């Protein structure tokens, strides 16, 4: 694996962890900011890194996929937070 690929995968992992943390802590505004930052980075990579045109179909498909990844990470974090809060609320003292 070359260094560029390692960096891109690392950024994706950090971005998805940030989206999941926003879901876990119920930070909806934070999720919107994380989503927009990730989409901007993805768009910049597609345009300047890969030389795509801004309005090409593959750019839109990559943005839709990134949005889907972020929403899934957010919902996974939200579900984990909900389960954790329910278990803590129903724990006998």
PDB file of N, CA and C in Angstrom:
ATOM      1  N   UNK A   1       0.853  -1.173   0.000  1.00  0.00           N
ATOM      2  CA  UNK A   1       0.000   0.000   0.000  1.00  0.00           C
ATOM      3  C   UNK A   1       0.899   1.237   0.000  1.00  0.00           C
ATOM      4  N   UNK A   2       0.583   2.187  -0.857  1.00  0.00           N
ATOM      5  CA  UNK A   2       1.413   3.386  -0.866  1.00  0.00           C
ATOM      6  C   UNK A   2       0.924   4.391   0.174  1.00  0.00           C
ATOM      7  N   UNK A   3       1.722   5.406   0.413  1.00  0.00           N
ATOM      8  CA  UNK A   3       1.465   6.361   1.483  1.00  0.00           C
ATOM      9  C   UNK A   3       0.173   7.146   1.254  1.00  0.00           C
ATOM     10  N   UNK A   4      -0.116   7.502   0.018  1.00  0.00           N
ATOM     11  CA  UNK A   4      -1.337   8.260  -0.269  1.00  0.00           C
ATOM     12  C   UNK A   4      -2.575   7.473   0.127  1.00  0.00           C
ATOM     13  N   UNK A   5      -2.591   6.203  -0.186  1.00  0.00           N
ATOM     14  CA  UNK A   5      -3.737   5.364   0.157  1.00  0.00           C
ATOM     15  C   UNK A   5      -3.883   5.213   1.667  1.00  0.00           C
ATOM     16  N   UNK A   6      -2.777   5.069   2.368  1.00  0.00           N
ATOM     17  CA  UNK A   6      -2.816   4.973   3.829  1.00  0.00           C
ATOM     18  C   UNK A   6      -3.381   6.258   4.429  1.00  0.00           C
ATOM     19  N   UNK A   7      -2.951   7.400   3.915  1.00  0.00           N
ATOM     20  CA  UNK A   7      -3.451   8.686   4.413  1.00  0.00           C
ATOM     21  C   UNK A   7      -4.943   8.822   4.150  1.00  0.00           C
ATOM     22  N   UNK A   8      -5.392   8.476   2.954  1.00  0.00           N
ATOM     23  CA  UNK A   8      -6.815   8.600   2.615  1.00  0.00           C
ATOM     24  C   UNK A   8      -7.680   7.677   3.469  1.00  0.00           C
ATOM     25  N   UNK A   9      -7.232   6.459   3.691  1.00  0.00           N
ATOM     26  CA  UNK A   9      -7.998   5.528   4.526  1.00  0.00           C
ATOM     27  C   UNK A   9      -8.015   6.008   5.970  1.00  0.00           C
ATOM     28  N   UNK A  10      -6.901   6.548   6.438  1.00  0.00           N
ATOM     29  CA  UNK A  10      -6.852   7.081   7.805  1.00  0.00           C
ATOM     30  C   UNK A  10      -7.815   8.247   7.979  1.00  0.00           C
ATOM     31  N   UNK A  11      -7.874   9.122   6.996  1.00  0.00           N
ATOM     32  CA  UNK A  11      -8.808  10.252   7.056  1.00  0.00           C
ATOM     33  C   UNK A  11     -10.246   9.745   7.067  1.00  0.00           C
ATOM     34  N   UNK A  12     -10.546   8.739   6.253  1.00  0.00           N
ATOM     35  CA  UNK A  12     -11.893   8.168   6.227  1.00  0.00           C
ATOM     36  C   UNK A  12     -12.261   7.565   7.581  1.00  0.00           C
ATOM     37  N   UNK A  13     -11.328   6.856   8.199  1.00  0.00           N
ATOM     38  CA  UNK A  13     -11.598   6.241   9.507  1.00  0.00           C
ATOM     39  C   UNK A  13     -11.856   7.310  10.561  1.00  0.00           C
ATOM     40  N   UNK A  14     -11.025   8.344  10.591  1.00  0.00           N
ATOM     41  CA  UNK A  14     -11.213   9.427  11.564  1.00  0.00           C
ATOM     42  C   UNK A  14     -12.541  10.132  11.319  1.00  0.00           C
ATOM     43  N   UNK A  15     -12.882  10.351  10.061  1.00  0.00           N
ATOM     44  CA  UNK A  15     -14.133  11.024   9.714  1.00  0.00           C
ATOM     45  C   UNK A  15     -15.337  10.194  10.159  1.00  0.00           C
ATOM     46  N   UNK A  16     -15.285   8.889   9.940  1.00  0.00           N
ATOM     47  CA  UNK A  16     -16.400   8.039  10.344  1.00  0.00           C
ATOM     48  C   UNK A  16     -16.489   7.922  11.863  1.00  0.00           C
ATOM     49  N   UNK A  17     -15.349   7.898  12.556  1.00  0.00           N
ATOM     50  CA  UNK A  17     -15.374   7.902  14.016  1.00  0.00           C
ATOM     51  C   UNK A  17     -15.980   9.199  14.547  1.00  0.00           C
ATOM     52  N   UNK A  18     -15.665  10.317  13.904  1.00  0.00           N
ATOM     53  CA  UNK A  18     -16.246  11.596  14.321  1.00  0.00           C
ATOM     54  C   UNK A  18     -17.756  11.594  14.103  1.00  0.00           C
ATOM     55  N   UNK A  19     -18.206  11.044  12.984  1.00  0.00           N
ATOM     56  CA  UNK A  19     -19.648  10.961  12.729  1.00  0.00           C
ATOM     57  C   UNK A  19     -20.319  10.029  13.738  1.00  0.00           C
ATOM     58  N   UNK A  20     -19.684   8.923  14.058  1.00  0.00           N
ATOM     59  CA  UNK A  20     -20.229   8.006  15.058  1.00  0.00           C
ATOM     60  C   UNK A  20     -20.277   8.626  16.442  1.00  0.00           C
ATOM     61  N   UNK A  21     -19.246   9.387  16.807  1.00  0.00           N
ATOM     62  CA  UNK A  21     -19.234  10.062  18.107  1.00  0.00           C
ATOM     63  C   UNK A  21     -20.368  11.077  18.185  1.00  0.00           C
ATOM     64  N   UNK A  22     -20.616  11.790  17.083  1.00  0.00           N
ATOM     65  CA  UNK A  22     -21.728  12.748  17.069  1.00  0.00           C
ATOM     66  C   UNK A  22     -23.054  12.027  17.302  1.00  0.00           C
ATOM     67  N   UNK A  23     -23.214  10.843  16.739  1.00  0.00           N
ATOM     68  CA  UNK A  23     -24.424  10.066  16.981  1.00  0.00           C
ATOM     69  C   UNK A  23     -24.509   9.574  18.407  1.00  0.00           C
ATOM     70  N   UNK A  24     -23.381   9.135  18.953  1.00  0.00           N
ATOM     71  CA  UNK A  24     -23.342   8.626  20.320  1.00  0.00           C
ATOM     72  C   UNK A  24     -23.730   9.705  21.323  1.00  0.00           C
ATOM     73  N   UNK A  25     -23.249  10.909  21.111  1.00  0.00           N
ATOM     74  CA  UNK A  25     -23.506  12.017  22.035  1.00  0.00           C
ATOM     75  C   UNK A  25     -24.714  12.873  21.639  1.00  0.00           C
ATOM     76  N   UNK A  26     -25.401  12.476  20.586  1.00  0.00           N
ATOM     77  CA  UNK A  26     -26.569  13.203  20.066  1.00  0.00           C
ATOM     78  C   UNK A  26     -26.227  14.651  19.720  1.00  0.00           C
ATOM     79  N   UNK A  27     -25.152  14.837  18.990  1.00  0.00           N
ATOM     80  CA  UNK A  27     -24.706  16.155  18.539  1.00  0.00           C
ATOM     81  C   UNK A  27     -25.076  16.301  17.059  1.00  0.00           C
ATOM     82  N   UNK A  28     -26.299  16.743  16.818  1.00  0.00           N
ATOM     83  CA  UNK A  28     -26.796  16.817  15.446  1.00  0.00           C
ATOM     84  C   UNK A  28     -26.113  17.924  14.653  1.00  0.00           C
ATOM     85  N   UNK A  29     -25.902  19.065  15.290  1.00  0.00           N
ATOM     86  CA  UNK A  29     -25.192  20.150  14.615  1.00  0.00           C
ATOM     87  C   UNK A  29     -23.753  19.774  14.313  1.00  0.00           C
ATOM     88  N   UNK A  30     -23.126  19.069  15.253  1.00  0.00           N
ATOM     89  CA  UNK A  30     -21.762  18.595  15.022  1.00  0.00           C
ATOM     90  C   UNK A  30     -21.693  17.624  13.862  1.00  0.00           C
ATOM     91  N   UNK A  31     -22.718  16.785  13.744  1.00  0.00           N
ATOM     92  CA  UNK A  31     -22.745  15.844  12.625  1.00  0.00           C
ATOM     93  C   UNK A  31     -22.834  16.572  11.297  1.00  0.00           C
ATOM     94  N   UNK A  32     -23.646  17.611  11.247  1.00  0.00           N
ATOM     95  CA  UNK A  32     -23.761  18.380   9.997  1.00  0.00           C
ATOM     96  C   UNK A  32     -22.406  18.983   9.633  1.00  0.00           C
ATOM     97  N   UNK A  33     -21.687  19.506  10.627  1.00  0.00           N
ATOM     98  CA  UNK A  33     -20.362  20.072  10.362  1.00  0.00           C
ATOM     99  C   UNK A  33     -19.377  18.997   9.908  1.00  0.00           C
ATOM    100  N   UNK A  34     -19.403  17.836  10.561  1.00  0.00           N
ATOM    101  CA  UNK A  34     -18.522  16.730  10.172  1.00  0.00           C
ATOM    102  C   UNK A  34     -18.866  16.269   8.757  1.00  0.00           C
ATOM    103  N   UNK A  35     -20.146  16.164   8.460  1.00  0.00           N
ATOM    104  CA  UNK A  35     -20.576  15.744   7.129  1.00  0.00           C
ATOM    105  C   UNK A  35     -20.108  16.727   6.066  1.00  0.00           C
ATOM    106  N   UNK A  36     -20.322  18.021   6.301  1.00  0.00           N
ATOM    107  CA  UNK A  36     -19.922  19.025   5.315  1.00  0.00           C
ATOM    108  C   UNK A  36     -18.407  19.071   5.135  1.00  0.00           C
ATOM    109  N   UNK A  37     -17.663  18.931   6.226  1.00  0.00           N
ATOM    110  CA  UNK A  37     -16.198  18.916   6.116  1.00  0.00           C
ATOM    111  C   UNK A  37     -15.733  17.704   5.312  1.00  0.00           C
ATOM    112  N   UNK A  38     -16.326  16.552   5.574  1.00  0.00           N
ATOM    113  CA  UNK A  38     -15.959  15.349   4.837  1.00  0.00           C
ATOM    114  C   UNK A  38     -16.314  15.433   3.363  1.00  0.00           C
ATOM    115  N   UNK A  39     -17.479  15.988   3.071  1.00  0.00           N
ATOM    116  CA  UNK A  39     -17.871  16.143   1.669  1.00  0.00           C
ATOM    117  C   UNK A  39     -16.960  17.130   0.953  1.00  0.00           C
ATOM    118  N   UNK A  40     -16.545  18.187   1.649  1.00  0.00           N
ATOM    119  CA  UNK A  40     -15.627  19.157   1.042  1.00  0.00           C
ATOM    120  C   UNK A  40     -14.272  18.510   0.753  1.00  0.00           C
ATOM    121  N   UNK A  41     -13.766  17.717   1.701  1.00  0.00           N
ATOM    122  CA  UNK A  41     -12.494  17.026   1.469  1.00  0.00           C
ATOM    123  C   UNK A  41     -12.612  16.011   0.334  1.00  0.00           C
ATOM    124  N   UNK A  42     -13.717  15.294   0.291  1.00  0.00           N
ATOM    125  CA  UNK A  42     -13.938  14.316  -0.772  1.00  0.00           C
ATOM    126  C   UNK A  42     -14.023  15.012  -2.127  1.00  0.00           C
ATOM    127  N   UNK A  43     -14.740  16.119  -2.166  1.00  0.00           N
ATOM    128  CA  UNK A  43     -14.869  16.878  -3.411  1.00  0.00           C
ATOM    129  C   UNK A  43     -13.508  17.395  -3.860  1.00  0.00           C
ATOM    130  N   UNK A  44     -12.731  17.940  -2.917  1.00  0.00           N
ATOM    131  CA  UNK A  44     -11.409  18.464  -3.258  1.00  0.00           C
ATOM    132  C   UNK A  44     -10.499  17.362  -3.795  1.00  0.00           C
ATOM    133  N   UNK A  45     -10.554  16.180  -3.173  1.00  0.00           N
ATOM    134  CA  UNK A  45      -9.732  15.074  -3.653  1.00  0.00           C
ATOM    135  C   UNK A  45     -10.150  14.659  -5.055  1.00  0.00           C
ATOM    136  N   UNK A  46     -11.445  14.583  -5.297  1.00  0.00           N
ATOM    137  CA  UNK A  46     -11.920  14.177  -6.622  1.00  0.00           C
ATOM    138  C   UNK A  46     -11.512  15.195  -7.693  1.00  0.00           C
ATOM    139  N   UNK A  47     -11.615  16.489  -7.369  1.00  0.00           N
ATOM    140  CA  UNK A  47     -11.333  17.526  -8.360  1.00  0.00           C
ATOM    141  C   UNK A  47      -9.827  17.691  -8.571  1.00  0.00           C
ATOM    142  N   UNK A  48      -9.085  17.930  -7.482  1.00  0.00           N
ATOM    143  CA  UNK A  48      -7.666  18.247  -7.627  1.00  0.00           C
ATOM    144  C   UNK A  48      -6.782  17.012  -7.594  1.00  0.00           C
ATOM    145  N   UNK A  49      -7.145  16.021  -6.834  1.00  0.00           N
ATOM    146  CA  UNK A  49      -6.305  14.831  -6.749  1.00  0.00           C
ATOM    147  C   UNK A  49      -6.473  13.889  -7.926  1.00  0.00           C
ATOM    148  N   UNK A  50      -7.711  13.746  -8.381  1.00  0.00           N
ATOM    149  CA  UNK A  50      -7.993  12.806  -9.465  1.00  0.00           C
ATOM    150  C   UNK A  50      -8.279  13.480 -10.798  1.00  0.00           C
ATOM    151  N   UNK A  51      -8.433  14.804 -10.785  1.00  0.00           N
ATOM    152  CA  UNK A  51      -8.646  15.535 -12.030  1.00  0.00           C
ATOM    153  C   UNK A  51     -10.045  15.408 -12.606  1.00  0.00           C
ATOM    154  N   UNK A  52     -11.024  15.147 -11.786  1.00  0.00           N
ATOM    155  CA  UNK A  52     -12.406  15.032 -12.273  1.00  0.00           C
ATOM    156  C   UNK A  52     -13.009  16.420 -12.473  1.00  0.00           C
ATOM    157  N   UNK A  53     -14.012  16.490 -13.294  1.00  0.00           N
ATOM    158  CA  UNK A  53     -14.750  17.742 -13.474  1.00  0.00           C
ATOM    159  C   UNK A  53     -15.754  17.870 -12.326  1.00  0.00           C
ATOM    160  N   UNK A  54     -16.027  19.095 -11.856  1.00  0.00           N
ATOM    161  CA  UNK A  54     -16.891  19.265 -10.676  1.00  0.00           C
ATOM    162  C   UNK A  54     -18.303  18.698 -10.827  1.00  0.00           C
ATOM    163  N   UNK A  55     -18.848  18.682 -12.024  1.00  0.00           N
ATOM    164  CA  UNK A  55     -20.232  18.246 -12.198  1.00  0.00           C
ATOM    165  C   UNK A  55     -20.352  16.908 -12.924  1.00  0.00           C
ATOM    166  N   UNK A  56     -19.325  16.086 -12.851  1.00  0.00           N
ATOM    167  CA  UNK A  56     -19.394  14.761 -13.454  1.00  0.00           C
ATOM    168  C   UNK A  56     -20.205  13.814 -12.575  1.00  0.00           C
ATOM    169  N   UNK A  57     -20.778  12.821 -13.214  1.00  0.00           N
ATOM    170  CA  UNK A  57     -21.582  11.851 -12.479  1.00  0.00           C
ATOM    171  C   UNK A  57     -20.780  11.088 -11.415  1.00  0.00           C
ATOM    172  N   UNK A  58     -19.547  10.660 -11.693  1.00  0.00           N
ATOM    173  CA  UNK A  58     -18.790   9.958 -10.646  1.00  0.00           C
ATOM    174  C   UNK A  58     -18.546  10.807  -9.395  1.00  0.00           C
ATOM    175  N   UNK A  59     -18.417  12.114  -9.556  1.00  0.00           N
ATOM    176  CA  UNK A  59     -18.243  12.988  -8.392  1.00  0.00           C
ATOM    177  C   UNK A  59     -19.509  12.960  -7.546  1.00  0.00           C
ATOM    178  N   UNK A  60     -20.665  13.048  -8.189  1.00  0.00           N
ATOM    179  CA  UNK A  60     -21.928  12.996  -7.450  1.00  0.00           C
ATOM    180  C   UNK A  60     -22.131  11.638  -6.780  1.00  0.00           C
ATOM    181  N   UNK A  61     -21.752  10.575  -7.462  1.00  0.00           N
ATOM    182  CA  UNK A  61     -21.886   9.242  -6.871  1.00  0.00           C
ATOM    183  C   UNK A  61     -20.951   9.078  -5.668  1.00  0.00           C
ATOM    184  N   UNK A  62     -19.742   9.617  -5.765  1.00  0.00           N
ATOM    185  CA  UNK A  62     -18.809   9.550  -4.634  1.00  0.00           C
ATOM    186  C   UNK A  62     -19.338  10.361  -3.455  1.00  0.00           C
ATOM    187  N   UNK A  63     -19.953  11.496  -3.732  1.00  0.00           N
ATOM    188  CA  UNK A  63     -20.527  12.308  -2.659  1.00  0.00           C
ATOM    189  C   UNK A  63     -21.718  11.587  -2.017  1.00  0.00           C
ATOM    190  N   UNK A  64     -22.524  10.934  -2.829  1.00  0.00           N
ATOM    191  CA  UNK A  64     -23.657  10.178  -2.283  1.00  0.00           C
ATOM    192  C   UNK A  64     -23.158   9.015  -1.422  1.00  0.00           C
ATOM    193  N   UNK A  65     -22.112   8.337  -1.865  1.00  0.00           N
ATOM    194  CA  UNK A  65     -21.547   7.236  -1.076  1.00  0.00           C
ATOM    195  C   UNK A  65     -20.970   7.753   0.236  1.00  0.00           C
ATOM    196  N   UNK A  66     -20.274   8.875   0.193  1.00  0.00           N
ATOM    197  CA  UNK A  66     -19.707   9.452   1.419  1.00  0.00           C
ATOM    198  C   UNK A  66     -20.812   9.862   2.384  1.00  0.00           C
ATOM    199  N   UNK A  67     -21.889  10.414   1.852  1.00  0.00           N
ATOM    200  CA  UNK A  67     -23.027  10.780   2.697  1.00  0.00           C
ATOM    201  C   UNK A  67     -23.630   9.533   3.340  1.00  0.00           C
ATOM    202  N   UNK A  68     -23.747   8.463   2.569  1.00  0.00           N
ATOM    203  CA  UNK A  68     -24.259   7.210   3.114  1.00  0.00           C
ATOM    204  C   UNK A  68     -23.367   6.645   4.206  1.00  0.00           C
ATOM    205  N   UNK A  69     -22.052   6.696   4.006  1.00  0.00           N
ATOM    206  CA  UNK A  69     -21.115   6.240   5.044  1.00  0.00           C
ATOM    207  C   UNK A  69     -21.296   7.047   6.319  1.00  0.00           C
ATOM    208  N   UNK A  70     -21.391   8.365   6.176  1.00  0.00           N
ATOM    209  CA  UNK A  70     -21.510   9.232   7.354  1.00  0.00           C
ATOM    210  C   UNK A  70     -22.821   8.984   8.090  1.00  0.00           C
ATOM    211  N   UNK A  71     -23.905   8.849   7.353  1.00  0.00           N
ATOM    212  CA  UNK A  71     -25.206   8.614   7.986  1.00  0.00           C
ATOM    213  C   UNK A  71     -25.206   7.265   8.707  1.00  0.00           C
ATOM    214  N   UNK A  72     -24.630   6.240   8.093  1.00  0.00           N
ATOM    215  CA  UNK A  72     -24.555   4.929   8.756  1.00  0.00           C
ATOM    216  C   UNK A  72     -23.713   4.996  10.025  1.00  0.00           C
ATOM    217  N   UNK A  73     -22.589   5.706   9.982  1.00  0.00           N
ATOM    218  CA  UNK A  73     -21.749   5.849  11.177  1.00  0.00           C
ATOM    219  C   UNK A  73     -22.497   6.615  12.257  1.00  0.00           C
ATOM    220  N   UNK A  74     -23.206   7.675  11.868  1.00  0.00           N
ATOM    221  CA  UNK A  74     -23.977   8.462  12.826  1.00  0.00           C
ATOM    222  C   UNK A  74     -25.064   7.613  13.472  1.00  0.00           C
ATOM    223  N   UNK A  75     -25.808   6.873  12.671  1.00  0.00           N
ATOM    224  CA  UNK A  75     -26.894   6.051  13.207  1.00  0.00           C
ATOM    225  C   UNK A  75     -26.370   4.903  14.071  1.00  0.00           C
ATOM    226  N   UNK A  76     -25.221   4.351  13.722  1.00  0.00           N
ATOM    227  CA  UNK A  76     -24.619   3.317  14.564  1.00  0.00           C
ATOM    228  C   UNK A  76     -24.248   3.892  15.922  1.00  0.00           C
ATOM    229  N   UNK A  77     -23.649   5.076  15.929  1.00  0.00           N
ATOM    230  CA  UNK A  77     -23.321   5.737  17.189  1.00  0.00           C
ATOM    231  C   UNK A  77     -24.559   6.099  17.980  1.00  0.00           C
ATOM    232  N   UNK A  78     -25.586   6.575  17.290  1.00  0.00           N
ATOM    233  CA  UNK A  78     -26.843   6.942  17.954  1.00  0.00           C
ATOM    234  C   UNK A  78     -27.478   5.715  18.610  1.00  0.00           C
ATOM    235  N   UNK A  79     -27.487   4.591  17.888  1.00  0.00           N
ATOM    236  CA  UNK A  79     -28.061   3.360  18.430  1.00  0.00           C
ATOM    237  C   UNK A  79     -27.255   2.860  19.627  1.00  0.00           C
ATOM    238  N   UNK A  80     -25.938   2.907  19.529  1.00  0.00           N
ATOM    239  CA  UNK A  80     -25.099   2.486  20.659  1.00  0.00           C
ATOM    240  C   UNK A  80     -25.341   3.383  21.869  1.00  0.00           C
ATOM    241  N   UNK A  81     -25.478   4.672  21.644  1.00  0.00           N
ATOM    242  CA  UNK A  81     -25.757   5.589  22.746  1.00  0.00           C
ATOM    243  C   UNK A  81     -27.113   5.346  23.365  1.00  0.00           C
ATOM    244  N   UNK A  82     -28.087   5.071  22.531  1.00  0.00           N
ATOM    245  CA  UNK A  82     -29.438   4.810  23.048  1.00  0.00           C
ATOM    246  C   UNK A  82     -29.468   3.536  23.894  1.00  0.00           C
ATOM    247  N   UNK A  83     -28.826   2.490  23.406  1.00  0.00           N
ATOM    248  CA  UNK A  83     -28.774   1.238  24.166  1.00  0.00           C
ATOM    249  C   UNK A  83     -28.041   1.452  25.483  1.00  0.00           C
ATOM    250  N   UNK A  84     -26.925   2.170  25.443  1.00  0.00           N
ATOM    251  CA  UNK A  84     -26.154   2.431  26.664  1.00  0.00           C
ATOM    252  C   UNK A  84     -26.965   3.224  27.668  1.00  0.00           C
ATOM    253  N   UNK A  85     -27.649   4.257  27.214  1.00  0.00           N
ATOM    254  CA  UNK A  85     -28.460   5.071  28.126  1.00  0.00           C
ATOM    255  C   UNK A  85     -29.610   4.264  28.719  1.00  0.00           C
ATOM    256  N   UNK A  86     -30.233   3.400  27.937  1.00  0.00           N
ATOM    257  CA  UNK A  86     -31.320   2.559  28.454  1.00  0.00           C
ATOM    258  C   UNK A  86     -30.807   1.569  29.494  1.00  0.00           C
ATOM    259  N   UNK A  87     -29.671   0.965  29.225  1.00  0.00           N
ATOM    260  CA  UNK A  87     -29.112   0.012  30.187  1.00  0.00           C
ATOM    261  C   UNK A  87     -28.730   0.702  31.489  1.00  0.00           C
ATOM    262  N   UNK A  88     -28.179   1.897  31.400  1.00  0.00           N
ATOM    263  CA  UNK A  88     -27.821   2.634  32.617  1.00  0.00           C
ATOM    264  C   UNK A  88     -29.057   3.078  33.382  1.00  0.00           C
ATOM    265  N   UNK A  89     -30.116   3.445  32.671  1.00  0.00           N
ATOM    266  CA  UNK A  89     -31.342   3.901  33.333  1.00  0.00           C
ATOM    267  C   UNK A  89     -32.069   2.753  34.024  1.00  0.00           C
ATOM    268  N   UNK A  90     -31.969   1.546  33.495  1.00  0.00           N
ATOM    269  CA  UNK A  90     -32.690   0.402  34.049  1.00  0.00           C
ATOM    270  C   UNK A  90     -31.832  -0.470  34.954  1.00  0.00           C
ATOM    271  N   UNK A  91     -30.633  -0.022  35.272  1.00  0.00           N
ATOM    272  CA  UNK A  91     -29.747  -0.807  36.134  1.00  0.00           C
ATOM    273  C   UNK A  91     -30.241  -0.738  37.575  1.00  0.00           C
ATOM    274  N   UNK A  92     -30.368  -1.878  38.225  1.00  0.00           N
ATOM    275  CA  UNK A  92     -30.776  -1.837  39.637  1.00  0.00           C
ATOM    276  C   UNK A  92     -29.635  -1.299  40.503  1.00  0.00           C
ATOM    277  N   UNK A  93     -29.994  -0.514  41.494  1.00  0.00           N
ATOM    278  CA  UNK A  93     -28.973   0.075  42.380  1.00  0.00           C
ATOM    279  C   UNK A  93     -28.645  -0.814  43.539  1.00  0.00           C
TER     280      UNK A  93
END
